[in-house]
């Protein structure tokens, strides 16, 4: 049995495009409808919903600058003052959530300009803020797209020049900014996926790792992440599988998620949950990934709304994870199982396929087959329920992921859901694909 399926690649993580304003929407600051005097449209990329929260970028920046000046001049406590005037630029005053994507990038640029004009003597801080702006933009580019790649190369050159200038200021803050920049540059080249670009990525990851190591335990998560990426790239360059780093990735992203959960349900928590679910899915731990992502979808929809980039990303990945892949006796290729029919003595599946790469859904056929001819796909960890077992009838009704296939015994290796349960080897005749996971309470 092959462990490769149409769903085995990592899901896309492209930046979400904010929805356009509805008819009649107006800027909540100047109260004018439509574009501003320069022709710039109304924008919104936060967690506001309906027709609220739309504004002209120029109005948002002017509002943030005015609020920042009031805070700087009226708050005595330095820490409170710094937090307040930064918040004025990066959080929507209506929904209290961070601005996202392109709007965040535009406001970052305005913040750098404001900070440079307000505190011209603090050159080190201003240089760091400018680098943060460039890093934010670099993270939003796709190196596989020619225009993005060209812009990214320009940003890399500017970042490297800024690093040399920043080194003169010294200290941990400057070193942290330098390390983060190296890591982001590495990520940019890593995404391009050619051997040459991966070697560049490895070099920058190594520079980031060395800086994180100097700064100590405070940057443990960042150091572990770049170490995993270095190892993964070295495996790819040598033609080896990178699955041996999967356990370390799961541990890393679980630790990141646990750290974020302590802070509530903001976008960082949602994104950390999405990243953890993605890694679990790639490790064929589909049930755990689906349960976690289901929570992320509900939480993000409730707090940030259906159009927010977090919600869109979570829904997109959940849709991918909920696909069920099977093989058919006497047929080549993979098929997508859609549902059960006649759930009785003779269980029948509706199956869509065969699946080709790249997938062309319009050319696929939907038909019914006897479930005895259907075997789950071990590659993406297809969820199954055990039934019809006689010697181990205590396992009947349990669910788990199919993560491997044992040729010598002609059985699938199923990792059962639940702590302390060992994997079992089961014939495909005793496995039934699970389309909707039962509530955990129903399993007790």
Protein backbone atom coordinates (compact mmCIF):
# COMPACT_ATOMS: atom_id res chain seq x y z
CA UNK A 1 0.00 0.00 0.00
CA UNK A 2 1.31 3.41 -0.90
CA UNK A 3 1.48 6.05 1.81
CA UNK A 4 1.13 8.91 -0.63
CA UNK A 5 -2.28 10.45 -1.26
CA UNK A 6 -3.67 13.59 -2.88
CA UNK A 7 -3.84 15.20 0.58
CA UNK A 8 -0.29 14.48 1.69
CA UNK A 9 1.11 17.90 0.83
CA UNK A 10 0.98 20.86 3.18
CA UNK A 11 -2.15 23.04 2.84
CA UNK A 12 -1.80 26.48 1.33
CA UNK A 13 -1.29 29.35 3.73
CA UNK A 14 -1.79 32.30 1.38
CA UNK A 15 -2.80 35.59 2.93
CA UNK A 16 -6.54 36.15 2.98
CA UNK A 17 -7.90 39.07 0.98
CA UNK A 18 -10.21 41.28 3.05
CA UNK A 19 -13.78 41.58 1.71
CA UNK A 20 -14.80 44.82 -0.04
CA UNK A 21 -17.13 47.24 1.76
CA UNK A 22 -20.87 46.71 1.24
CA UNK A 23 -22.98 49.30 -0.54
CA UNK A 24 -23.60 52.32 1.65
CA UNK A 25 -20.65 51.67 3.97
CA UNK A 26 -18.93 54.77 5.30
CA UNK A 27 -15.71 55.62 7.09
CA UNK A 28 -16.36 55.44 10.83
CA UNK A 29 -13.92 58.33 11.34
CA UNK A 30 -14.78 60.95 8.71
CA UNK A 31 -18.28 59.48 8.05
CA UNK A 32 -17.82 59.85 4.27
CA UNK A 33 -18.90 57.08 1.90
CA UNK A 34 -16.72 55.74 -0.90
CA UNK A 35 -13.05 56.57 -1.65
CA UNK A 36 -11.19 59.46 -0.03
CA UNK A 37 -9.93 62.54 -1.90
CA UNK A 38 -6.94 60.61 -3.29
CA UNK A 39 -9.18 57.81 -4.59
CA UNK A 40 -8.15 55.29 -1.91
CA UNK A 41 -11.06 52.96 -1.02
CA UNK A 42 -12.53 52.09 2.34
CA UNK A 43 -10.59 49.28 4.03
CA UNK A 44 -11.10 46.90 6.91
CA UNK A 45 -8.98 43.96 7.99
CA UNK A 46 -9.61 43.28 11.66
CA UNK A 47 -12.42 41.48 13.50
CA UNK A 48 -15.22 44.01 12.92
CA UNK A 49 -18.30 42.63 11.20
CA UNK A 50 -21.20 43.75 9.07
CA UNK A 51 -20.78 47.29 7.81
CA UNK A 52 -18.85 48.49 10.88
CA UNK A 53 -15.12 49.13 11.07
CA UNK A 54 -14.57 50.36 7.51
CA UNK A 55 -12.37 53.43 7.19
CA UNK A 56 -9.98 55.21 4.86
CA UNK A 57 -6.36 54.27 5.47
CA UNK A 58 -5.46 57.96 5.73
CA UNK A 59 -8.14 58.42 8.42
CA UNK A 60 -6.90 55.39 10.39
CA UNK A 61 -3.35 56.72 10.33
CA UNK A 62 -4.41 60.24 11.32
CA UNK A 63 -6.51 58.86 14.19
CA UNK A 64 -3.62 56.66 15.39
CA UNK A 65 -1.13 59.55 15.26
CA UNK A 66 -3.47 61.83 17.25
CA UNK A 67 -4.10 59.16 19.87
CA UNK A 68 -0.37 58.41 20.12
CA UNK A 69 0.47 62.10 20.66
CA UNK A 70 -2.12 62.33 23.45
CA UNK A 71 -0.70 59.23 25.14
CA UNK A 72 2.91 60.36 24.83
CA UNK A 73 2.11 63.78 26.28
CA UNK A 74 -0.35 62.72 28.97
CA UNK A 75 0.89 59.43 30.48
CA UNK A 76 3.67 59.61 33.06
CA UNK A 77 4.48 55.90 33.35
CA UNK A 78 7.01 55.04 30.61
CA UNK A 79 5.93 51.41 30.19
CA UNK A 80 2.22 52.29 30.02
CA UNK A 81 2.99 55.15 27.65
CA UNK A 82 4.97 52.95 25.25
CA UNK A 83 2.33 50.19 25.26
CA UNK A 84 -0.49 52.68 24.71
CA UNK A 85 0.95 54.56 21.76
CA UNK A 86 1.96 51.32 20.01
CA UNK A 87 -1.53 49.94 20.58
CA UNK A 88 -2.99 53.07 18.94
CA UNK A 89 -1.46 51.96 15.64
CA UNK A 90 -1.87 48.21 15.66
CA UNK A 91 -5.26 47.49 17.25
CA UNK A 92 -8.65 48.46 15.90
CA UNK A 93 -10.30 50.67 18.55
CA UNK A 94 -13.70 49.15 17.75
CA UNK A 95 -13.16 45.37 17.95
CA UNK A 96 -9.93 45.63 20.03
CA UNK A 97 -8.20 43.11 17.71
CA UNK A 98 -5.01 43.47 15.66
CA UNK A 99 -5.06 44.74 12.09
CA UNK A 100 -4.15 42.05 9.55
CA UNK A 101 -2.27 41.41 6.31
CA UNK A 102 -1.93 44.34 3.86
CA UNK A 103 -3.64 46.82 6.20
CA UNK A 104 -1.20 45.87 8.96
CA UNK A 105 1.72 46.40 6.58
CA UNK A 106 0.48 49.86 5.52
CA UNK A 107 -0.01 50.90 9.15
CA UNK A 108 3.41 49.52 10.07
CA UNK A 109 4.96 51.86 7.51
CA UNK A 110 3.01 54.78 8.93
CA UNK A 111 4.09 53.84 12.46
CA UNK A 112 7.76 53.79 11.44
CA UNK A 113 7.40 57.25 9.86
CA UNK A 114 5.62 58.60 12.96
CA UNK A 115 8.17 57.12 15.33
CA UNK A 116 11.11 58.46 13.30
CA UNK A 117 9.62 61.95 13.27
CA UNK A 118 8.67 61.87 16.96
CA UNK A 119 11.86 60.29 18.33
CA UNK A 120 14.57 61.15 15.77
CA UNK A 121 17.31 60.64 18.36
CA UNK A 122 16.40 56.95 18.87
CA UNK A 123 18.03 55.66 15.69
CA UNK A 124 18.44 52.08 16.94
CA UNK A 125 14.74 51.72 17.76
CA UNK A 126 13.68 53.27 14.47
CA UNK A 127 15.95 50.95 12.52
CA UNK A 128 14.47 47.99 14.38
CA UNK A 129 10.93 49.14 13.59
CA UNK A 130 11.80 49.56 9.93
CA UNK A 131 13.20 46.02 9.86
CA UNK A 132 10.02 44.72 11.52
CA UNK A 133 8.02 46.36 8.74
CA UNK A 134 10.16 44.77 6.04
CA UNK A 135 10.00 41.38 7.76
CA UNK A 136 6.22 41.60 7.94
CA UNK A 137 6.06 42.27 4.23
CA UNK A 138 8.54 39.49 3.41
CA UNK A 139 6.42 36.95 5.31
CA UNK A 140 3.44 37.82 3.12
CA UNK A 141 5.23 37.12 -0.18
CA UNK A 142 5.17 33.90 -2.19
CA UNK A 143 8.61 33.16 -3.63
CA UNK A 144 7.09 30.92 -6.31
CA UNK A 145 5.44 34.00 -7.90
CA UNK A 146 7.87 35.99 -10.03
CA UNK A 147 6.79 39.48 -8.90
CA UNK A 148 6.83 38.42 -5.24
CA UNK A 149 10.24 36.81 -5.64
CA UNK A 150 11.71 40.00 -7.13
CA UNK A 151 10.22 42.14 -4.35
CA UNK A 152 11.43 39.62 -1.79
CA UNK A 153 15.00 39.73 -3.07
CA UNK A 154 14.96 43.52 -2.74
CA UNK A 155 13.66 43.26 0.83
CA UNK A 156 16.34 40.68 1.68
CA UNK A 157 19.06 43.07 0.48
CA UNK A 158 17.61 45.91 2.55
CA UNK A 159 17.29 43.71 5.62
CA UNK A 160 20.88 42.52 5.38
CA UNK A 161 22.08 46.13 5.03
CA UNK A 162 19.96 47.12 8.05
CA UNK A 163 21.42 44.25 10.06
CA UNK A 164 24.92 45.60 9.52
CA UNK A 165 23.80 49.04 10.73
CA UNK A 166 21.92 47.56 13.69
CA UNK A 167 24.95 45.57 14.85
CA UNK A 168 26.59 48.84 15.82
CA UNK A 169 23.98 49.42 18.54
CA UNK A 170 24.67 46.01 20.14
CA UNK A 171 22.71 44.47 23.02
CA UNK A 172 20.05 41.75 23.20
CA UNK A 173 17.23 43.79 21.51
CA UNK A 174 19.37 44.35 18.43
CA UNK A 175 20.50 40.73 18.37
CA UNK A 176 16.89 39.49 18.65
CA UNK A 177 15.82 41.63 15.69
CA UNK A 178 18.80 40.32 13.74
CA UNK A 179 17.94 36.69 14.56
CA UNK A 180 14.28 37.14 13.61
CA UNK A 181 15.32 38.73 10.32
CA UNK A 182 17.62 35.82 9.47
CA UNK A 183 14.80 33.37 10.26
CA UNK A 184 12.31 35.23 8.04
CA UNK A 185 14.81 35.43 5.18
CA UNK A 186 15.39 31.69 5.56
CA UNK A 187 11.65 31.09 5.39
CA UNK A 188 11.40 33.13 2.19
CA UNK A 189 14.06 31.05 0.43
CA UNK A 190 12.71 27.83 1.96
CA UNK A 191 9.33 28.38 0.32
CA UNK A 192 10.93 28.54 -3.14
CA UNK A 193 11.86 24.86 -2.67
CA UNK A 194 14.69 24.59 -5.25
CA UNK A 195 18.00 23.06 -4.15
CA UNK A 196 19.80 26.40 -4.51
CA UNK A 197 17.16 28.31 -2.54
CA UNK A 198 17.07 25.64 0.18
CA UNK A 199 20.82 25.95 0.65
CA UNK A 200 20.38 29.72 1.05
CA UNK A 201 17.57 29.07 3.53
CA UNK A 202 19.74 26.69 5.53
CA UNK A 203 22.51 29.28 5.75
CA UNK A 204 20.16 31.95 7.13
CA UNK A 205 18.49 29.49 9.51
CA UNK A 206 21.94 28.63 10.87
CA UNK A 207 22.70 32.30 11.44
CA UNK A 208 19.38 32.71 13.26
CA UNK A 209 20.05 29.62 15.39
CA UNK A 210 23.47 30.88 16.43
CA UNK A 211 21.97 34.18 17.60
CA UNK A 212 19.13 32.47 19.47
CA UNK A 213 21.65 30.23 21.24
CA UNK A 214 23.62 33.25 22.44
CA UNK A 215 20.46 34.87 23.83
CA UNK A 216 19.52 31.80 25.87
CA UNK A 217 16.35 30.09 27.08
CA UNK A 218 14.04 33.02 26.40
CA UNK A 219 14.32 32.15 22.71
CA UNK A 220 14.12 28.37 23.12
CA UNK A 221 11.04 27.94 20.91
CA UNK A 222 12.56 30.00 18.10
CA UNK A 223 15.84 28.06 18.28
CA UNK A 224 14.06 24.69 18.20
CA UNK A 225 12.04 25.77 15.19
CA UNK A 226 15.03 26.80 13.07
CA UNK A 227 16.91 23.64 14.11
CA UNK A 228 14.03 21.52 12.82
CA UNK A 229 13.99 23.49 9.57
CA UNK A 230 17.74 23.05 9.14
CA UNK A 231 17.43 19.30 9.63
CA UNK A 232 14.48 19.06 7.27
CA UNK A 233 16.35 20.94 4.53
CA UNK A 234 19.45 18.77 4.94
CA UNK A 235 17.28 15.66 4.57
CA UNK A 236 15.65 17.00 1.40
CA UNK A 237 18.97 17.98 -0.17
CA UNK A 238 20.29 14.46 0.46
CA UNK A 239 17.12 12.87 -0.86
CA UNK A 240 15.93 11.52 2.50
CA UNK A 241 12.44 11.69 3.95
CA UNK A 242 11.89 14.50 6.44
CA UNK A 243 9.32 12.50 8.46
CA UNK A 244 11.89 11.82 11.19
CA UNK A 245 11.50 15.47 12.26
CA UNK A 246 7.72 15.16 12.59
CA UNK A 247 7.72 14.27 16.30
CA UNK A 248 9.94 17.28 17.09
CA UNK A 249 7.64 19.52 15.02
CA UNK A 250 4.56 18.29 16.86
CA UNK A 251 6.23 18.91 20.23
CA UNK A 252 7.32 22.40 19.14
CA UNK A 253 3.94 23.50 17.81
CA UNK A 254 2.16 21.98 20.81
CA UNK A 255 4.40 24.01 23.13
CA UNK A 256 3.73 27.14 21.06
CA UNK A 257 0.00 26.55 21.20
CA UNK A 258 0.07 25.92 24.96
CA UNK A 259 1.92 29.21 25.46
CA UNK A 260 -0.67 31.10 23.40
CA UNK A 261 -3.70 29.49 25.04
CA UNK A 262 -2.70 31.08 28.32
CA UNK A 263 -3.27 34.49 26.72
CA UNK A 264 -6.84 33.84 25.53
CA UNK A 265 -8.42 33.44 22.10
CA UNK A 266 -6.65 36.12 20.07
CA UNK A 267 -5.38 35.60 16.52
CA UNK A 268 -2.05 34.28 17.78
CA UNK A 269 -3.80 31.47 19.64
CA UNK A 270 -5.96 30.63 16.61
CA UNK A 271 -2.98 30.62 14.25
CA UNK A 272 -0.95 28.48 16.67
CA UNK A 273 -3.83 26.00 16.81
CA UNK A 274 -4.03 25.93 13.00
CA UNK A 275 -0.28 25.31 12.74
CA UNK A 276 -0.44 22.48 15.28
CA UNK A 277 -3.41 20.90 13.51
CA UNK A 278 -1.57 21.08 10.19
CA UNK A 279 1.49 19.28 11.60
CA UNK A 280 -0.71 16.64 13.27
CA UNK A 281 -2.49 16.07 9.95
CA UNK A 282 0.78 15.66 8.06
CA UNK A 283 1.81 13.11 10.72
CA UNK A 284 -1.39 11.12 9.96
CA UNK A 285 -2.90 12.04 13.33
CA UNK A 286 -6.10 13.11 11.61
CA UNK A 287 -8.55 12.63 14.48
CA UNK A 288 -6.60 14.84 16.88
CA UNK A 289 -6.05 17.41 14.12
CA UNK A 290 -9.74 17.48 13.21
CA UNK A 291 -10.91 17.87 16.80
CA UNK A 292 -8.46 20.72 17.47
CA UNK A 293 -9.27 22.49 14.22
CA UNK A 294 -12.99 22.18 14.86
CA UNK A 295 -12.46 24.16 18.08
CA UNK A 296 -10.39 26.76 16.22
CA UNK A 297 -13.12 27.24 13.60
CA UNK A 298 -15.84 27.73 16.23
CA UNK A 299 -13.70 30.09 18.33
CA UNK A 300 -12.44 32.16 15.39
CA UNK A 301 -15.91 32.43 13.86
CA UNK A 302 -17.36 33.61 17.17
CA UNK A 303 -14.63 36.12 18.06
CA UNK A 304 -13.25 37.27 14.71
CA UNK A 305 -16.11 36.57 12.29
CA UNK A 306 -16.45 34.40 9.15
CA UNK A 307 -14.40 36.68 6.87
CA UNK A 308 -11.34 37.01 9.10
CA UNK A 309 -8.15 35.47 7.73
CA UNK A 310 -7.88 33.17 10.78
CA UNK A 311 -11.37 31.80 10.23
CA UNK A 312 -10.86 31.39 6.47
CA UNK A 313 -7.57 29.54 7.03
CA UNK A 314 -9.07 27.26 9.70
CA UNK A 315 -12.14 26.42 7.60
CA UNK A 316 -9.97 25.72 4.53
CA UNK A 317 -7.69 23.33 6.41
CA UNK A 318 -10.61 21.62 8.18
CA UNK A 319 -12.26 20.96 4.81
CA UNK A 320 -9.04 19.33 3.63
CA UNK A 321 -8.63 17.24 6.78
CA UNK A 322 -12.23 15.97 6.61
CA UNK A 323 -11.64 14.42 3.19
CA UNK A 324 -11.52 10.61 3.45
CA UNK A 325 -9.18 8.72 1.11
CA UNK A 326 -9.55 5.06 0.16
CA UNK A 327 -8.31 2.52 -2.41
CA UNK A 328 -10.49 0.06 -4.32
CA UNK A 329 -9.74 -3.57 -4.99
CA UNK A 330 -8.75 -4.03 -8.62
CA UNK A 331 -8.44 -0.28 -9.24
CA UNK A 332 -5.37 1.93 -9.37
CA UNK A 333 -5.11 5.31 -7.69
CA UNK A 334 -6.87 6.93 -4.74
CA UNK A 335 -10.53 7.71 -4.35
CA UNK A 336 -12.37 10.11 -2.08
CA UNK A 337 -15.05 8.42 0.00
CA UNK A 338 -18.08 10.66 0.38
CA UNK A 339 -20.56 8.85 2.63
CA UNK A 340 -22.09 5.54 3.69
CA UNK A 341 -25.32 4.21 2.20
CA UNK A 342 -27.49 1.33 3.43
CA UNK A 343 -25.73 1.14 6.75
CA UNK A 344 -26.58 -2.47 7.55
CA UNK A 345 -25.33 -5.89 6.58
CA UNK A 346 -24.19 -4.59 3.25
CA UNK A 347 -22.52 -1.23 3.66
CA UNK A 348 -22.02 0.72 0.47
CA UNK A 349 -19.76 3.71 -0.09
CA UNK A 350 -20.15 6.52 -2.54
CA UNK A 351 -16.70 7.05 -3.94
CA UNK A 352 -15.41 9.91 -6.05
CA UNK A 353 -12.39 9.43 -8.28
CA UNK A 354 -9.91 8.21 -9.23
CA UNK A 355 -7.97 11.25 -8.01
CA UNK A 356 -5.34 12.61 -10.37
CA UNK A 357 -2.54 15.09 -9.72
CA UNK A 358 -3.27 17.90 -10.20
CA UNK A 359 -6.83 17.16 -9.21
CA UNK A 360 -9.56 17.87 -11.80
CA UNK A 361 -12.85 17.46 -9.93
CA UNK A 362 -15.02 17.93 -13.04
CA UNK A 363 -13.48 14.83 -14.64
CA UNK A 364 -14.08 12.57 -11.62
CA UNK A 365 -16.97 10.14 -11.39
CA UNK A 366 -19.21 9.40 -8.43
CA UNK A 367 -20.37 5.80 -8.03
CA UNK A 368 -21.28 3.24 -5.40
CA UNK A 369 -19.23 0.18 -4.47
CA UNK A 370 -19.48 -2.59 -1.94
CA UNK A 371 -17.57 -1.65 1.20
CA UNK A 372 -15.80 -5.04 1.09
CA UNK A 373 -13.84 -3.69 -1.88
CA UNK A 374 -12.79 -0.55 -0.04
CA UNK A 375 -9.60 -0.12 1.97
CA UNK A 376 -8.69 3.05 3.90
CA UNK A 377 -5.68 5.09 2.87
CA UNK A 378 -2.84 4.91 5.38
CA UNK A 379 -1.03 8.03 4.10
CA UNK A 380 -3.27 10.79 5.50
CA UNK A 381 -4.39 8.80 8.56
CA UNK A 382 -7.94 8.02 7.48
CA UNK A 383 -10.24 7.81 10.55
CA UNK A 384 -11.90 4.40 10.94
CA UNK A 385 -14.09 2.52 13.39
CA UNK A 386 -13.36 -1.10 14.30
CA UNK A 387 -16.23 -3.58 13.94
CA UNK A 388 -16.91 -7.30 13.50
CA UNK A 389 -13.89 -8.37 15.56
CA UNK A 390 -14.43 -11.71 17.31
CA UNK A 391 -11.29 -12.46 19.33
CA UNK A 392 -10.81 -8.80 20.27
CA UNK A 393 -14.48 -7.84 20.43
CA UNK A 394 -13.75 -5.38 23.24
CA UNK A 395 -12.23 -3.14 20.54
CA UNK A 396 -15.39 -3.02 18.43
CA UNK A 397 -16.73 0.53 18.23
CA UNK A 398 -13.37 2.17 18.92
CA UNK A 399 -12.08 4.74 16.44
CA UNK A 400 -8.56 5.53 15.34
CA UNK A 401 -6.26 6.71 12.54
CA UNK A 402 -4.88 4.34 9.90
CA UNK A 403 -1.20 5.32 9.89
CA UNK A 404 0.57 2.39 8.28
CA UNK A 405 0.15 -0.90 6.42
CA UNK A 406 1.88 -4.18 7.35
CA UNK A 407 2.64 -6.20 4.22
CA UNK A 408 3.63 -9.33 6.13
CA UNK A 409 0.27 -9.63 7.90
CA UNK A 410 -1.90 -7.88 5.28
CA UNK A 411 -3.28 -5.61 7.97
CA UNK A 412 -3.59 -1.89 8.60
CA UNK A 413 -1.96 -0.35 11.65
CA UNK A 414 -4.60 1.67 13.52
CA UNK A 415 -3.69 4.09 16.32
CA UNK A 416 -6.74 4.17 18.57
CA UNK A 417 -8.03 7.40 20.08
CA UNK A 418 -7.50 7.53 23.80
CA UNK A 419 -4.55 7.70 26.17
CA UNK A 420 -2.64 4.52 26.88
CA UNK A 421 -4.12 2.52 23.98
CA UNK A 422 -1.59 0.67 21.85
CA UNK A 423 -1.77 0.53 18.03
CA UNK A 424 -3.53 -2.55 16.64
CA UNK A 425 -3.23 -4.40 13.31
CA UNK A 426 -6.63 -4.93 11.67
CA UNK A 427 -7.86 -6.40 8.38
CA UNK A 428 -9.63 -3.91 6.16
CA UNK A 429 -12.80 -6.05 6.38
CA UNK A 430 -13.02 -4.99 10.03
CA UNK A 431 -12.58 -1.28 9.35
CA UNK A 432 -15.20 1.25 8.35
CA UNK A 433 -14.39 4.81 7.33
CA UNK A 434 -15.61 7.44 9.82
CA UNK A 435 -16.95 10.59 8.18
CA UNK A 436 -18.10 12.51 11.26
CA UNK A 437 -16.18 12.09 14.50
CA UNK A 438 -18.38 11.25 17.50
CA UNK A 439 -18.32 13.60 20.49
CA UNK A 440 -15.72 12.61 23.05
CA UNK A 441 -18.50 12.24 25.63
CA UNK A 442 -20.11 9.55 23.47
CA UNK A 443 -16.91 7.48 23.61
CA UNK A 444 -16.86 7.22 27.41
